Amino acid sequence: MKKVTYLLGLVAGVWLFSGCQGAQKQSPSQTQLIQEMNQRAAQSDTLTLPPDDANSENISGYLFALQQAIREHIPDWEKYRGDVCTLRMSLNRRAELTGLKVEGERSEFCAVMYDAVLRTKFPPFPNERAYQNLKNAALDFKP
């Protein structure tokens, strides 16, 4: 009886441990994310966006949403207070990253920003004018 109880406990422990390990989602590597970005860049961009009814308020609102989406991937944002990083981001009409480049100095903050941008799912563009203004934008990030 002790052997059966021990064996059942051992099997249950292994099952629980392997179940917990299997539940964790593996985060894609930066190399995988760059490959996906390059594949998107090679595809044609045929999505039709709403007409150009954007005003500067709509564009700045989208820009704010875009920056907030990126910041969600940087939990220690305040650690970099005083640093500045300029990134040139290319997006297709689906708001998917198709290019990314650090402009200027390459700092630790820029490395963190680069990784965060690769991992970000951007909000959709509200209209064609917002897309045209921001599809290849250089953005300054300053905590």
Foldseek 3Di string as FASTA:
>chain_A
DVVVVVVVVVVVVVVVVVVVVVPDDDDDDPVVLLVVLQVVLPDDQDDAFAAPPDDVVLLVVLVVQQVVQLCVQPPPQVVQAPDKWKKWFAAGQQRGTNDIDTPDDDDPVNVSSSVSNSVGDGDGRNGDVSCVVRRTDIDMDHD
